[in-house]
């Protein structure tokens, strides 16, 4: 692995260590109950799918509730893995893959609701997927130990979508506006991660 600072510069990055520490007792408790990180990741996806159906049924507040539950559960799988020492390579692949499916489900639900135009759904999804893909390639082919940089990661995007969902009943442009902002921030994050990778891999060779 190439040496790099790997510091998170996203909006909530500086709070990551704090909330991960706060979740440790919960992780230990869930681990004692026999819940594996991969099972918890699957439950997170299930909650996201239920949120998608709520959005598609034009119930944005219920959709926000499902999205919030999905996000909380998604934090728990990492807490369980760290607390029980059940951090596996498969889990490191399984969790982000399910995260992408969750993003597709939720955004498609918003599209089917009619609240958000499909061009903006596609715009936002492309940015979200490419931000994750850029990080994955930087850490695999690029050899960086971490490329968790950029203005917005998944937590920031969920918060924006939650706010847009809760405000949608009183402000017709709240949810579409949130989706557009998420898309813009995601594409900016792609550029930031490419720049970060270029800076820390300059002159490095690869066979890929």
Foldseek 3Di string as FASTA:
>chain_A
DFDDPQQAPAPCRVCVVVVLVVCQVVLLVVVVVVDALLNLLVVLLVLLLVLLQCLLVVNLLSSLVSLVVSVVSLSSSVSNCVNVVVDDPVSVVNNVVSVLSSLLSNLVSNCNNVLAPPVLSVLLSVLQVLLVVLQVCCVPQLVYVGLNYFHDHPVVLSVQQSQLSVCCVPDSCSNNVSSNVNSVRSNRSNVVSVVSSCVRRPPPDGPD
